[in-house]
C-alpha atoms as a PDB file:
ATOM      1  CA  MET A   1      88.468 133.197  28.088  1.00  0.00           C
ATOM      2  CA  PRO A   2      88.819 129.666  29.640  1.00  0.00           C
ATOM      3  CA  LEU A   3      91.706 127.920  31.334  1.00  0.00           C
ATOM      4  CA  ALA A   4      94.380 125.989  29.942  1.00  0.00           C
ATOM      5  CA  THR A   5      93.969 122.442  30.500  1.00  0.00           C
ATOM      6  CA  THR A   6      95.630 118.783  30.236  1.00  0.00           C
ATOM      7  CA  ILE A   7      93.615 115.712  30.557  1.00  0.00           C
ATOM      8  CA  PHE A   8      94.256 112.326  31.468  1.00  0.00           C
ATOM      9  CA  GLY A   9      91.980 109.536  30.925  1.00  0.00           C
ATOM     10  CA  SER A  10      88.646 108.699  29.914  1.00  0.00           C
ATOM     11  CA  ASP A  11      87.101 106.223  32.487  1.00  0.00           C
ATOM     12  CA  GLU A  12      83.855 108.129  32.881  1.00  0.00           C
ATOM     13  CA  ALA A  13      82.355 105.296  35.783  1.00  0.00           C
ATOM     14  CA  ASN A  14      83.808 107.734  38.719  1.00  0.00           C
ATOM     15  CA  PRO A  15      83.737 111.655  38.439  1.00  0.00           C
ATOM     16  CA  PRO A  16      86.557 113.574  37.036  1.00  0.00           C
ATOM     17  CA  LEU A  17      89.183 114.845  38.971  1.00  0.00           C
ATOM     18  CA  LEU A  18      90.052 118.462  38.457  1.00  0.00           C
ATOM     19  CA  ILE A  19      93.529 119.336  40.647  1.00  0.00           C
ATOM     20  CA  VAL A  20      94.402 122.992  41.254  1.00  0.00           C
ATOM     21  CA  HIS A  21      98.027 124.311  41.313  1.00  0.00           C
ATOM     22  CA  GLY A  22      99.587 126.641  44.026  1.00  0.00           C
ATOM     23  CA  LEU A  23     100.666 129.786  43.817  1.00  0.00           C
ATOM     24  CA  PHE A  24     103.764 130.007  40.597  1.00  0.00           C
ATOM     25  CA  GLY A  25     102.785 126.301  39.772  1.00  0.00           C
ATOM     26  CA  SER A  26     101.241 125.103  37.003  1.00  0.00           C
ATOM     27  CA  ALA A  27      99.714 122.008  35.413  1.00  0.00           C
ATOM     28  CA  ARG A  28     102.881 120.180  34.531  1.00  0.00           C
ATOM     29  CA  ASN A  29     103.920 120.465  38.332  1.00  0.00           C
ATOM     30  CA  TRP A  30     100.671 117.713  38.460  1.00  0.00           C
ATOM     31  CA  GLY A  31     101.542 115.453  35.923  1.00  0.00           C
ATOM     32  CA  VAL A  32     102.618 112.630  37.806  1.00  0.00           C
ATOM     33  CA  ILE A  33      99.940 112.054  40.304  1.00  0.00           C
ATOM     34  CA  ALA A  34      97.475 113.064  37.631  1.00  0.00           C
ATOM     35  CA  LYS A  35      98.973 110.382  34.708  1.00  0.00           C
ATOM     36  CA  ARG A  36      98.815 107.604  37.908  1.00  0.00           C
ATOM     37  CA  LEU A  37      95.334 108.498  39.339  1.00  0.00           C
ATOM     38  CA  SER A  38      94.220 108.488  35.688  1.00  0.00           C
ATOM     39  CA  ASP A  39      93.683 104.701  35.515  1.00  0.00           C
ATOM     40  CA  THR A  40      90.672 104.475  37.631  1.00  0.00           C
ATOM     41  CA  ARG A  41      88.918 108.751  36.260  1.00  0.00           C
ATOM     42  CA  GLN A  42      89.484 111.584  33.794  1.00  0.00           C
ATOM     43  CA  VAL A  43      91.824 113.939  35.558  1.00  0.00           C
ATOM     44  CA  ILE A  44      91.839 117.450  34.828  1.00  0.00           C
ATOM     45  CA  THR A  45      94.680 119.783  35.809  1.00  0.00           C
ATOM     46  CA  VAL A  46      94.295 123.437  34.468  1.00  0.00           C
ATOM     47  CA  ASP A  47      96.774 126.208  34.734  1.00  0.00           C
ATOM     48  CA  MET A  48      95.513 129.187  37.187  1.00  0.00           C
ATOM     49  CA  ARG A  49      94.683 132.622  35.578  1.00  0.00           C
ATOM     50  CA  ASN A  50      98.524 134.318  35.376  1.00  0.00           C
ATOM     51  CA  HIS A  51     100.078 131.097  35.633  1.00  0.00           C
ATOM     52  CA  GLY A  52     101.371 128.683  32.342  1.00  0.00           C
ATOM     53  CA  GLU A  53      99.647 128.896  29.568  1.00  0.00           C
ATOM     54  CA  SER A  54      96.524 130.687  31.102  1.00  0.00           C
ATOM     55  CA  PRO A  55      95.462 133.359  30.257  1.00  0.00           C
ATOM     56  CA  TRP A  56      96.297 136.847  31.861  1.00  0.00           C
ATOM     57  CA  PHE A  57      94.239 139.317  33.467  1.00  0.00           C
ATOM     58  CA  PRO A  58      94.313 142.017  36.019  1.00  0.00           C
ATOM     59  CA  THR A  59      92.640 140.127  39.239  1.00  0.00           C
ATOM     60  CA  HIS A  60      93.843 137.765  40.894  1.00  0.00           C
ATOM     61  CA  SER A  61      90.615 137.256  43.674  1.00  0.00           C
ATOM     62  CA  TYR A  62      89.725 133.880  45.010  1.00  0.00           C
ATOM     63  CA  PRO A  63      85.953 134.120  43.900  1.00  0.00           C
ATOM     64  CA  ASP A  64      87.786 134.884  40.306  1.00  0.00           C
ATOM     65  CA  LEU A  65      90.002 131.548  40.111  1.00  0.00           C
ATOM     66  CA  ALA A  66      86.651 129.652  41.424  1.00  0.00           C
ATOM     67  CA  ASP A  67      84.516 131.157  38.348  1.00  0.00           C
ATOM     68  CA  ASP A  68      87.128 130.097  36.192  1.00  0.00           C
ATOM     69  CA  LEU A  69      86.666 126.953  37.938  1.00  0.00           C
ATOM     70  CA  MET A  70      83.575 126.740  37.845  1.00  0.00           C
ATOM     71  CA  GLN A  71      83.916 127.194  33.636  1.00  0.00           C
ATOM     72  CA  VAL A  72      86.103 123.990  33.798  1.00  0.00           C
ATOM     73  CA  ILE A  73      83.733 121.438  35.866  1.00  0.00           C
ATOM     74  CA  LYS A  74      81.012 122.935  33.300  1.00  0.00           C
ATOM     75  CA  ALA A  75      82.864 122.150  30.032  1.00  0.00           C
ATOM     76  CA  HIS A  76      83.605 118.268  31.603  1.00  0.00           C
ATOM     77  CA  GLY A  77      80.406 117.159  32.494  1.00  0.00           C
ATOM     78  CA  GLY A  78      79.460 119.678  35.263  1.00  0.00           C
ATOM     79  CA  ARG A  79      80.323 118.289  38.342  1.00  0.00           C
ATOM     80  CA  ALA A  80      83.667 116.404  39.675  1.00  0.00           C
ATOM     81  CA  ASP A  81      86.194 115.620  42.604  1.00  0.00           C
ATOM     82  CA  VAL A  82      88.428 118.565  43.304  1.00  0.00           C
ATOM     83  CA  LEU A  83      92.053 118.781  44.870  1.00  0.00           C
ATOM     84  CA  GLY A  84      93.265 122.269  45.182  1.00  0.00           C
ATOM     85  CA  HIS A  85      96.948 122.647  47.034  1.00  0.00           C
ATOM     86  CA  SER A  86      97.497 125.954  48.451  1.00  0.00           C
ATOM     87  CA  MET A  87      96.523 128.982  46.525  1.00  0.00           C
ATOM     88  CA  GLY A  88      94.712 126.254  44.317  1.00  0.00           C
ATOM     89  CA  GLY A  89      93.532 124.859  47.770  1.00  0.00           C
ATOM     90  CA  LYS A  90      91.854 127.940  48.886  1.00  0.00           C
ATOM     91  CA  ALA A  91      90.005 128.709  45.382  1.00  0.00           C
ATOM     92  CA  ALA A  92      88.755 125.093  45.578  1.00  0.00           C
ATOM     93  CA  MET A  93      86.713 125.747  48.920  1.00  0.00           C
ATOM     94  CA  VAL A  94      86.267 128.756  47.706  1.00  0.00           C
ATOM     95  CA  LEU A  95      84.075 127.228  44.907  1.00  0.00           C
ATOM     96  CA  ALA A  96      82.706 124.785  47.092  1.00  0.00           C
ATOM     97  CA  LEU A  97      81.502 127.307  49.395  1.00  0.00           C
ATOM     98  CA  THR A  98      79.807 129.225  46.415  1.00  0.00           C
ATOM     99  CA  GLN A  99      78.348 126.380  44.080  1.00  0.00           C
ATOM    100  CA  PRO A 100      78.626 123.447  46.244  1.00  0.00           C
ATOM    101  CA  SER A 101      76.248 121.675  43.598  1.00  0.00           C
ATOM    102  CA  LEU A 102      79.662 121.512  41.143  1.00  0.00           C
ATOM    103  CA  VAL A 103      81.852 120.054  44.311  1.00  0.00           C
ATOM    104  CA  ASN A 104      81.549 115.954  44.789  1.00  0.00           C
ATOM    105  CA  ARG A 105      84.253 115.513  46.847  1.00  0.00           C
ATOM    106  CA  LEU A 106      86.841 117.774  48.264  1.00  0.00           C
ATOM    107  CA  VAL A 107      90.827 117.743  48.744  1.00  0.00           C
ATOM    108  CA  VAL A 108      92.453 120.639  50.195  1.00  0.00           C
ATOM    109  CA  ALA A 109      96.073 120.186  50.554  1.00  0.00           C
ATOM    110  CA  ASP A 110      97.882 121.927  53.378  1.00  0.00           C
ATOM    111  CA  ILE A 111      96.015 124.912  53.275  1.00  0.00           C
ATOM    112  CA  ALA A 112      93.105 126.640  55.496  1.00  0.00           C
ATOM    113  CA  PRO A 113      90.653 129.215  54.597  1.00  0.00           C
ATOM    114  CA  VAL A 114      92.241 131.954  56.910  1.00  0.00           C
ATOM    115  CA  VAL A 115      94.571 135.253  56.222  1.00  0.00           C
ATOM    116  CA  TYR A 116      98.238 134.230  56.543  1.00  0.00           C
ATOM    117  CA  GLY A 117     100.786 136.453  57.002  1.00  0.00           C
ATOM    118  CA  HIS A 118     103.825 135.505  54.785  1.00  0.00           C
ATOM    119  CA  THR A 119     103.810 136.931  52.055  1.00  0.00           C
ATOM    120  CA  GLN A 120     106.023 135.315  49.011  1.00  0.00           C
ATOM    121  CA  ALA A 121     106.676 138.904  47.344  1.00  0.00           C
ATOM    122  CA  HIS A 122     109.888 137.928  47.837  1.00  0.00           C
ATOM    123  CA  LEU A 123     109.976 135.455  44.881  1.00  0.00           C
ATOM    124  CA  ILE A 124     108.141 137.895  42.743  1.00  0.00           C
ATOM    125  CA  HIS A 125     111.218 139.790  43.380  1.00  0.00           C
ATOM    126  CA  ALA A 126     113.704 137.486  42.422  1.00  0.00           C
ATOM    127  CA  MET A 127     112.166 136.450  39.478  1.00  0.00           C
ATOM    128  CA  ARG A 128     111.664 140.146  38.666  1.00  0.00           C
ATOM    129  CA  ALA A 129     115.644 140.590  38.959  1.00  0.00           C
ATOM    130  CA  LEU A 130     116.594 137.923  36.985  1.00  0.00           C
ATOM    131  CA  ASP A 131     118.602 138.827  33.883  1.00  0.00           C
ATOM    132  CA  LEU A 132     116.639 137.002  30.891  1.00  0.00           C
ATOM    133  CA  ALA A 133     118.898 138.066  28.795  1.00  0.00           C
ATOM    134  CA  GLN A 134     121.968 135.891  30.079  1.00  0.00           C
ATOM    135  CA  VAL A 135     120.195 132.683  30.589  1.00  0.00           C
ATOM    136  CA  GLU A 136     120.998 130.392  27.574  1.00  0.00           C
ATOM    137  CA  LYS A 137     119.374 127.581  29.470  1.00  0.00           C
ATOM    138  CA  ARG A 138     118.175 126.722  32.582  1.00  0.00           C
ATOM    139  CA  SER A 139     121.129 126.261  34.687  1.00  0.00           C
ATOM    140  CA  ASP A 140     122.070 129.805  33.672  1.00  0.00           C
ATOM    141  CA  ALA A 141     118.872 131.231  35.188  1.00  0.00           C
ATOM    142  CA  ASP A 142     119.130 128.570  38.439  1.00  0.00           C
ATOM    143  CA  ALA A 143     122.851 130.070  38.988  1.00  0.00           C
ATOM    144  CA  LEU A 144     121.737 133.545  38.873  1.00  0.00           C
ATOM    145  CA  LEU A 145     118.655 132.921  40.837  1.00  0.00           C
ATOM    146  CA  ALA A 146     120.819 131.381  43.284  1.00  0.00           C
ATOM    147  CA  GLU A 147     122.282 135.027  44.482  1.00  0.00           C
ATOM    148  CA  GLU A 148     118.766 135.547  45.837  1.00  0.00           C
ATOM    149  CA  ILE A 149     116.772 132.004  46.421  1.00  0.00           C
ATOM    150  CA  GLU A 150     118.617 130.017  48.843  1.00  0.00           C
ATOM    151  CA  THR A 151     116.915 126.701  48.704  1.00  0.00           C
ATOM    152  CA  PRO A 152     117.874 124.399  45.769  1.00  0.00           C
ATOM    153  CA  SER A 153     114.155 122.698  45.905  1.00  0.00           C
ATOM    154  CA  VAL A 154     112.230 126.472  45.418  1.00  0.00           C
ATOM    155  CA  ARG A 155     114.886 127.239  42.772  1.00  0.00           C
ATOM    156  CA  ALA A 156     114.039 124.040  40.580  1.00  0.00           C
ATOM    157  CA  PHE A 157     110.041 124.370  41.246  1.00  0.00           C
ATOM    158  CA  LEU A 158     109.595 128.624  39.894  1.00  0.00           C
ATOM    159  CA  LEU A 159     112.331 127.700  37.132  1.00  0.00           C
ATOM    160  CA  GLN A 160     109.525 124.926  35.632  1.00  0.00           C
ATOM    161  CA  SER A 161     107.923 128.367  34.996  1.00  0.00           C
ATOM    162  CA  LEU A 162     110.307 130.198  32.863  1.00  0.00           C
ATOM    163  CA  ASP A 163     110.556 129.721  29.472  1.00  0.00           C
ATOM    164  CA  VAL A 164     114.440 129.428  28.277  1.00  0.00           C
ATOM    165  CA  LYS A 165     113.573 130.034  24.763  1.00  0.00           C
ATOM    166  CA  GLU A 166     111.528 132.592  24.392  1.00  0.00           C
ATOM    167  CA  ARG A 167     113.098 134.236  27.784  1.00  0.00           C
ATOM    168  CA  ARG A 168     110.200 135.073  29.817  1.00  0.00           C
ATOM    169  CA  TRP A 169     108.093 134.158  32.761  1.00  0.00           C
ATOM    170  CA  ARG A 170     104.870 131.849  32.441  1.00  0.00           C
ATOM    171  CA  LEU A 171     103.754 133.785  35.311  1.00  0.00           C
ATOM    172  CA  ASN A 172     101.983 137.170  35.489  1.00  0.00           C
ATOM    173  CA  LEU A 173     104.510 138.501  37.795  1.00  0.00           C
ATOM    174  CA  ASP A 174     102.835 142.560  38.417  1.00  0.00           C
ATOM    175  CA  VAL A 175      99.312 141.676  38.885  1.00  0.00           C
ATOM    176  CA  LEU A 176     100.927 138.606  41.125  1.00  0.00           C
ATOM    177  CA  GLU A 177     102.701 141.079  43.353  1.00  0.00           C
ATOM    178  CA  THR A 178      99.368 143.704  43.491  1.00  0.00           C
ATOM    179  CA  GLU A 179      97.049 141.047  44.555  1.00  0.00           C
ATOM    180  CA  MET A 180      99.192 138.869  47.353  1.00  0.00           C
ATOM    181  CA  PRO A 181      97.010 140.817  50.105  1.00  0.00           C
ATOM    182  CA  ARG A 182      93.986 138.841  48.535  1.00  0.00           C
ATOM    183  CA  ILE A 183      96.312 135.542  47.262  1.00  0.00           C
ATOM    184  CA  ILE A 184      97.437 134.800  51.272  1.00  0.00           C
ATOM    185  CA  GLY A 185      93.849 136.318  52.435  1.00  0.00           C
ATOM    186  CA  PHE A 186      90.979 134.204  52.262  1.00  0.00           C
ATOM    187  CA  PRO A 187      87.257 136.378  50.934  1.00  0.00           C
ATOM    188  CA  ASP A 188      84.358 136.410  54.191  1.00  0.00           C
ATOM    189  CA  ILE A 189      82.114 133.416  53.476  1.00  0.00           C
ATOM    190  CA  THR A 190      79.184 132.568  54.995  1.00  0.00           C
ATOM    191  CA  GLY A 191      77.850 129.830  53.292  1.00  0.00           C
ATOM    192  CA  GLN A 192      78.872 125.750  53.984  1.00  0.00           C
ATOM    193  CA  PHE A 193      79.786 123.126  51.805  1.00  0.00           C
ATOM    194  CA  ASN A 194      78.332 119.905  53.461  1.00  0.00           C
ATOM    195  CA  GLY A 195      79.598 117.422  51.093  1.00  0.00           C
ATOM    196  CA  PRO A 196      82.889 115.485  51.446  1.00  0.00           C
ATOM    197  CA  ALA A 197      86.348 117.066  52.343  1.00  0.00           C
ATOM    198  CA  LEU A 198      89.475 115.973  52.979  1.00  0.00           C
ATOM    199  CA  PHE A 199      91.941 118.252  54.584  1.00  0.00           C
ATOM    200  CA  LEU A 200      95.022 116.409  53.939  1.00  0.00           C
ATOM    201  CA  SER A 201      98.913 118.660  55.477  1.00  0.00           C
ATOM    202  CA  GLY A 202     102.252 117.757  55.676  1.00  0.00           C
ATOM    203  CA  ALA A 203     102.774 116.850  59.218  1.00  0.00           C
ATOM    204  CA  ASP A 204     106.058 119.157  58.928  1.00  0.00           C
ATOM    205  CA  SER A 205     104.354 121.700  57.611  1.00  0.00           C
ATOM    206  CA  ASP A 206     102.952 125.414  59.817  1.00  0.00           C
ATOM    207  CA  TYR A 207     100.223 126.102  57.845  1.00  0.00           C
ATOM    208  CA  VAL A 208      97.400 124.192  59.036  1.00  0.00           C
ATOM    209  CA  GLN A 209      97.032 124.559  62.568  1.00  0.00           C
ATOM    210  CA  PRO A 210      94.944 122.809  64.923  1.00  0.00           C
ATOM    211  CA  GLY A 211      93.400 126.305  65.786  1.00  0.00           C
ATOM    212  CA  HIS A 212      92.288 126.114  62.278  1.00  0.00           C
ATOM    213  CA  ARG A 213      89.693 123.169  62.919  1.00  0.00           C
ATOM    214  CA  PRO A 214      86.895 124.886  64.127  1.00  0.00           C
ATOM    215  CA  LEU A 215      86.633 127.621  61.718  1.00  0.00           C
ATOM    216  CA  ILE A 216      87.043 124.712  58.666  1.00  0.00           C
ATOM    217  CA  LYS A 217      84.478 122.384  60.655  1.00  0.00           C
ATOM    218  CA  ALA A 218      81.777 125.474  60.671  1.00  0.00           C
ATOM    219  CA  LEU A 219      82.410 126.106  56.773  1.00  0.00           C
ATOM    220  CA  PHE A 220      82.930 122.273  55.619  1.00  0.00           C
ATOM    221  CA  PRO A 221      81.046 120.045  58.632  1.00  0.00           C
ATOM    222  CA  ASN A 222      81.829 116.805  57.060  1.00  0.00           C
ATOM    223  CA  ALA A 223      85.574 117.725  57.014  1.00  0.00           C
ATOM    224  CA  VAL A 224      88.141 115.143  58.332  1.00  0.00           C
ATOM    225  CA  PHE A 225      91.968 115.724  58.603  1.00  0.00           C
ATOM    226  CA  ALA A 226      94.936 114.048  57.989  1.00  0.00           C
ATOM    227  CA  ARG A 227      99.031 114.597  58.268  1.00  0.00           C
ATOM    228  CA  ILE A 228     101.106 113.027  55.924  1.00  0.00           C
ATOM    229  CA  PRO A 229     104.718 112.056  57.935  1.00  0.00           C
ATOM    230  CA  GLY A 230     108.080 113.792  56.905  1.00  0.00           C
ATOM    231  CA  ALA A 231     106.159 116.122  54.630  1.00  0.00           C
ATOM    232  CA  GLY A 232     106.016 119.703  54.260  1.00  0.00           C
ATOM    233  CA  HIS A 233     103.825 122.477  52.613  1.00  0.00           C
ATOM    234  CA  TRP A 234     105.069 120.452  49.325  1.00  0.00           C
ATOM    235  CA  LEU A 235     103.613 117.170  50.478  1.00  0.00           C
ATOM    236  CA  HIS A 236     102.618 116.206  47.145  1.00  0.00           C
ATOM    237  CA  ALA A 237     106.133 116.676  45.943  1.00  0.00           C
ATOM    238  CA  GLU A 238     107.734 115.478  48.820  1.00  0.00           C
ATOM    239  CA  LYS A 239     105.649 112.342  49.301  1.00  0.00           C
ATOM    240  CA  PRO A 240     104.401 111.348  46.421  1.00  0.00           C
ATOM    241  CA  ARG A 241     103.698 107.870  46.746  1.00  0.00           C
ATOM    242  CA  GLU A 242     101.611 108.756  50.287  1.00  0.00           C
ATOM    243  CA  PHE A 243      99.766 111.657  48.942  1.00  0.00           C
ATOM    244  CA  GLU A 244      98.667 109.452  46.136  1.00  0.00           C
ATOM    245  CA  ALA A 245      97.984 106.773  48.751  1.00  0.00           C
ATOM    246  CA  ALA A 246      95.270 109.377  50.625  1.00  0.00           C
ATOM    247  CA  LEU A 247      94.017 110.561  47.609  1.00  0.00           C
ATOM    248  CA  ARG A 248      92.533 106.830  46.089  1.00  0.00           C
ATOM    249  CA  ALA A 249      91.486 105.778  50.117  1.00  0.00           C
ATOM    250  CA  PHE A 250      89.261 109.131  49.955  1.00  0.00           C
ATOM    251  CA  LEU A 251      88.478 108.777  46.715  1.00  0.00           C
ATOM    252  CA  PRO A 252      86.435 105.884  45.667  1.00  0.00           C
ATOM    253  CA  VAL A 253      85.720 104.444  42.603  1.00  0.00           C
ATOM    254  CA  SER A 254      82.527 103.081  40.912  1.00  0.00           C
ATOM    255  CA  ALA A 255      82.544  99.278  41.698  1.00  0.00           C
ATOM    256  CA  ASP A 256      81.793  98.264  37.887  1.00  0.00           C
END
C-alpha cells in the first residue's frame, strides 16, 4: 500500500523535491516550507508508514522506509531531490545508499548515520497514558499531556498527530515502541552515494558531532556541512526562513 502524499506546485523544469518527516511527525509539519519551495519545483510531502494517514505495518526498519520512499519516487518520475529530517533523514540516507539512481540531491537535516542513545520511548508512554475519553478539544489534551511532558513545543508537535474528533493517535504507537532500537539505530550498509549531499544541522543541537564527519564522508564523499545559528534539532520549525534559504542555495533551479 502506498504512502499518503501531498503535492505542492507543478513546475517540472526541475526535479521534484521529496520531503520526509521525522519520528512522530507527518507531512503537515512541512506544509508551509513545502508550499514556499513549490514556486520553482513540484514538492511532495509524505506521511511515513505508521504515521499520519499512511498505512500501518508491523515493521519500521530503515530498509522498509527506504523502499516506501522508492515507490513514491517511481510514481513521480523516477528521480527526485530528497530532504529528510531526523528519522526521515536516516530513511533518505538508506535510500540514497541503496538506490542512488533515484536520488538527485540529498539533504539530511540534523541527523547522522549512527546509533543514538536517546530513545524516544518516554514520549510514547506519555501519549499512551493520555486518557482520550477526557479530551473534548486539543487544549484538554495539552493540559493532560503537560503532566508528563513539560516542554510546550514538544506537546504541540505531538498533538499535531492527535485526531481529537476520533479520539485516537494517528501514530502506530505499539510498533514504534517495539521498533525503537531500529529507529535510533542505523543499518550496516557498505554502499556509497556519490551525488551532492548537504548535512544541515542546528548549531544548538548535539545530534551531528564533528566526530561523525569521517563516517559521513565515507558514505557520502561529496557531502558538505552547514549549521543554522540559534537552531536546535527542530531547525526547520525554529528557523524556517534560514532553513529555506539553505535549501534554495543547495538545490539549483533551471535557468529556463
